[in-house]
Amino acid sequence: MSEIKLKPCPFCKTPPYTSIECANDTKIKGYIQCDNPDCGARIDFEYKIKNGFLTFDEVIEALNETIEAWNRRANNER
Protein backbone atom coordinates (compact mmCIF):
# COMPACT_ATOMS: atom_id res chain seq x y z
CA MET A 1 0.00 0.00 0.00
CA SER A 2 1.47 3.34 -1.00
CA GLU A 3 1.31 6.32 1.32
CA ILE A 4 -0.50 9.43 0.12
CA LYS A 5 0.99 12.62 1.54
CA LEU A 6 -1.12 15.64 2.37
CA LYS A 7 -0.29 18.83 0.54
CA PRO A 8 -0.18 22.04 2.56
CA CYS A 9 -3.27 24.23 2.72
CA PRO A 10 -4.03 25.65 -0.74
CA PHE A 11 -4.77 29.06 0.78
CA CYS A 12 -2.06 29.69 3.41
CA LYS A 13 0.41 26.80 2.86
CA THR A 14 0.13 25.61 6.51
CA PRO A 15 0.28 21.83 7.06
CA PRO A 16 -3.15 20.25 7.66
CA TYR A 17 -4.23 17.61 10.15
CA THR A 18 -6.83 14.84 10.03
CA SER A 19 -9.56 13.59 12.34
CA ILE A 20 -11.53 10.38 11.91
CA GLU A 21 -14.40 9.03 14.01
CA CYS A 22 -16.77 6.13 13.67
CA ALA A 23 -20.09 7.97 13.70
CA ASN A 24 -22.09 4.78 14.19
CA ASP A 25 -22.11 1.24 12.87
CA THR A 26 -23.05 2.38 9.36
CA LYS A 27 -20.65 5.26 8.63
CA ILE A 28 -17.27 6.83 9.28
CA LYS A 29 -17.00 10.61 9.53
CA GLY A 30 -13.99 12.85 9.64
CA TYR A 31 -12.18 15.80 8.16
CA ILE A 32 -8.90 17.30 7.02
CA GLN A 33 -8.31 20.83 8.26
CA CYS A 34 -5.66 23.50 7.97
CA ASP A 35 -3.75 23.86 11.26
CA ASN A 36 -3.71 27.66 10.98
CA PRO A 37 -6.53 29.00 13.21
CA ASP A 38 -6.74 32.16 11.09
CA CYS A 39 -7.41 30.12 7.93
CA GLY A 40 -9.69 27.25 8.85
CA ALA A 41 -9.83 25.59 5.41
CA ARG A 42 -11.47 22.20 5.88
CA ILE A 43 -12.86 19.28 3.91
CA ASP A 44 -15.32 16.90 5.60
CA PHE A 45 -16.05 13.32 4.61
CA GLU A 46 -18.64 10.70 5.39
CA TYR A 47 -18.10 7.15 4.22
CA LYS A 48 -20.76 4.44 4.33
CA ILE A 49 -19.53 1.19 5.89
CA LYS A 50 -20.04 -1.90 3.73
CA ASN A 51 -21.37 -5.24 5.00
CA GLY A 52 -22.46 -3.83 8.37
CA PHE A 53 -19.07 -3.88 10.07
CA LEU A 54 -16.06 -1.60 9.90
CA THR A 55 -12.75 -2.83 8.51
CA PHE A 56 -9.35 -1.17 8.64
CA ASP A 57 -9.28 -1.15 4.84
CA GLU A 58 -12.47 0.92 4.78
CA VAL A 59 -10.94 3.50 7.12
CA ILE A 60 -7.89 3.73 4.86
CA GLU A 61 -10.08 3.96 1.74
CA ALA A 62 -12.17 6.78 3.25
CA LEU A 63 -9.07 8.68 4.35
CA ASN A 64 -7.31 8.22 0.99
CA GLU A 65 -10.36 9.50 -0.91
CA THR A 66 -10.45 12.58 1.32
CA ILE A 67 -6.71 13.18 0.98
CA GLU A 68 -7.04 13.01 -2.80
CA ALA A 69 -9.84 15.61 -2.65
CA TRP A 70 -7.76 17.85 -0.33
CA ASN A 71 -4.71 17.53 -2.59
CA ARG A 72 -6.67 18.34 -5.77
CA ARG A 73 -5.93 21.84 -7.03
CA ALA A 74 -7.62 24.02 -9.64
CA ASN A 75 -5.12 22.93 -12.28
CA ASN A 76 -5.65 19.26 -11.24
CA GLU A 77 -2.06 18.74 -10.07
CA ARG A 78 -1.70 15.83 -7.67
C-alpha atoms as a PDB file:
ATOM      1  CA  MET A   1       0.000   0.000   0.000  1.00  0.00           C
ATOM      2  CA  SER A   2       1.467   3.343  -1.004  1.00  0.00           C
ATOM      3  CA  GLU A   3       1.314   6.318   1.317  1.00  0.00           C
ATOM      4  CA  ILE A   4      -0.496   9.433   0.120  1.00  0.00           C
ATOM      5  CA  LYS A   5       0.987  12.615   1.535  1.00  0.00           C
ATOM      6  CA  LEU A   6      -1.124  15.641   2.372  1.00  0.00           C
ATOM      7  CA  LYS A   7      -0.293  18.828   0.537  1.00  0.00           C
ATOM      8  CA  PRO A   8      -0.178  22.043   2.560  1.00  0.00           C
ATOM      9  CA  CYS A   9      -3.272  24.228   2.717  1.00  0.00           C
ATOM     10  CA  PRO A  10      -4.029  25.653  -0.745  1.00  0.00           C
ATOM     11  CA  PHE A  11      -4.766  29.062   0.782  1.00  0.00           C
ATOM     12  CA  CYS A  12      -2.062  29.693   3.415  1.00  0.00           C
ATOM     13  CA  LYS A  13       0.411  26.798   2.861  1.00  0.00           C
ATOM     14  CA  THR A  14       0.132  25.605   6.508  1.00  0.00           C
ATOM     15  CA  PRO A  15       0.282  21.832   7.061  1.00  0.00           C
ATOM     16  CA  PRO A  16      -3.148  20.252   7.660  1.00  0.00           C
ATOM     17  CA  TYR A  17      -4.231  17.610  10.148  1.00  0.00           C
ATOM     18  CA  THR A  18      -6.833  14.836  10.033  1.00  0.00           C
ATOM     19  CA  SER A  19      -9.564  13.591  12.337  1.00  0.00           C
ATOM     20  CA  ILE A  20     -11.534  10.375  11.911  1.00  0.00           C
ATOM     21  CA  GLU A  21     -14.404   9.034  14.007  1.00  0.00           C
ATOM     22  CA  CYS A  22     -16.771   6.130  13.667  1.00  0.00           C
ATOM     23  CA  ALA A  23     -20.088   7.974  13.704  1.00  0.00           C
ATOM     24  CA  ASN A  24     -22.091   4.781  14.191  1.00  0.00           C
ATOM     25  CA  ASP A  25     -22.109   1.238  12.870  1.00  0.00           C
ATOM     26  CA  THR A  26     -23.049   2.385   9.359  1.00  0.00           C
ATOM     27  CA  LYS A  27     -20.655   5.263   8.627  1.00  0.00           C
ATOM     28  CA  ILE A  28     -17.266   6.825   9.276  1.00  0.00           C
ATOM     29  CA  LYS A  29     -16.996  10.607   9.529  1.00  0.00           C
ATOM     30  CA  GLY A  30     -13.988  12.854   9.639  1.00  0.00           C
ATOM     31  CA  TYR A  31     -12.181  15.803   8.161  1.00  0.00           C
ATOM     32  CA  ILE A  32      -8.902  17.299   7.018  1.00  0.00           C
ATOM     33  CA  GLN A  33      -8.309  20.825   8.260  1.00  0.00           C
ATOM     34  CA  CYS A  34      -5.655  23.498   7.970  1.00  0.00           C
ATOM     35  CA  ASP A  35      -3.750  23.858  11.260  1.00  0.00           C
ATOM     36  CA  ASN A  36      -3.714  27.659  10.978  1.00  0.00           C
ATOM     37  CA  PRO A  37      -6.528  29.001  13.213  1.00  0.00           C
ATOM     38  CA  ASP A  38      -6.741  32.160  11.091  1.00  0.00           C
ATOM     39  CA  CYS A  39      -7.405  30.125   7.933  1.00  0.00           C
ATOM     40  CA  GLY A  40      -9.688  27.250   8.847  1.00  0.00           C
ATOM     41  CA  ALA A  41      -9.829  25.589   5.413  1.00  0.00           C
ATOM     42  CA  ARG A  42     -11.466  22.199   5.878  1.00  0.00           C
ATOM     43  CA  ILE A  43     -12.863  19.279   3.915  1.00  0.00           C
ATOM     44  CA  ASP A  44     -15.324  16.895   5.601  1.00  0.00           C
ATOM     45  CA  PHE A  45     -16.046  13.323   4.614  1.00  0.00           C
ATOM     46  CA  GLU A  46     -18.636  10.703   5.390  1.00  0.00           C
ATOM     47  CA  TYR A  47     -18.100   7.146   4.222  1.00  0.00           C
ATOM     48  CA  LYS A  48     -20.763   4.438   4.327  1.00  0.00           C
ATOM     49  CA  ILE A  49     -19.531   1.189   5.892  1.00  0.00           C
ATOM     50  CA  LYS A  50     -20.039  -1.895   3.726  1.00  0.00           C
ATOM     51  CA  ASN A  51     -21.369  -5.238   4.999  1.00  0.00           C
ATOM     52  CA  GLY A  52     -22.461  -3.825   8.367  1.00  0.00           C
ATOM     53  CA  PHE A  53     -19.065  -3.885  10.066  1.00  0.00           C
ATOM     54  CA  LEU A  54     -16.059  -1.598   9.895  1.00  0.00           C
ATOM     55  CA  THR A  55     -12.754  -2.832   8.512  1.00  0.00           C
ATOM     56  CA  PHE A  56      -9.352  -1.165   8.642  1.00  0.00           C
ATOM     57  CA  ASP A  57      -9.276  -1.151   4.836  1.00  0.00           C
ATOM     58  CA  GLU A  58     -12.473   0.924   4.780  1.00  0.00           C
ATOM     59  CA  VAL A  59     -10.940   3.497   7.124  1.00  0.00           C
ATOM     60  CA  ILE A  60      -7.886   3.730   4.859  1.00  0.00           C
ATOM     61  CA  GLU A  61     -10.081   3.958   1.737  1.00  0.00           C
ATOM     62  CA  ALA A  62     -12.170   6.781   3.250  1.00  0.00           C
ATOM     63  CA  LEU A  63      -9.066   8.676   4.345  1.00  0.00           C
ATOM     64  CA  ASN A  64      -7.315   8.216   0.989  1.00  0.00           C
ATOM     65  CA  GLU A  65     -10.356   9.504  -0.913  1.00  0.00           C
ATOM     66  CA  THR A  66     -10.452  12.578   1.320  1.00  0.00           C
ATOM     67  CA  ILE A  67      -6.707  13.177   0.978  1.00  0.00           C
ATOM     68  CA  GLU A  68      -7.041  13.007  -2.804  1.00  0.00           C
ATOM     69  CA  ALA A  69      -9.835  15.607  -2.645  1.00  0.00           C
ATOM     70  CA  TRP A  70      -7.759  17.849  -0.334  1.00  0.00           C
ATOM     71  CA  ASN A  71      -4.713  17.534  -2.594  1.00  0.00           C
ATOM     72  CA  ARG A  72      -6.670  18.339  -5.772  1.00  0.00           C
ATOM     73  CA  ARG A  73      -5.934  21.841  -7.032  1.00  0.00           C
ATOM     74  CA  ALA A  74      -7.621  24.018  -9.644  1.00  0.00           C
ATOM     75  CA  ASN A  75      -5.115  22.925 -12.285  1.00  0.00           C
ATOM     76  CA  ASN A  76      -5.646  19.257 -11.242  1.00  0.00           C
ATOM     77  CA  GLU A  77      -2.058  18.741 -10.074  1.00  0.00           C
ATOM     78  CA  ARG A  78      -1.701  15.833  -7.668  1.00  0.00           C
END
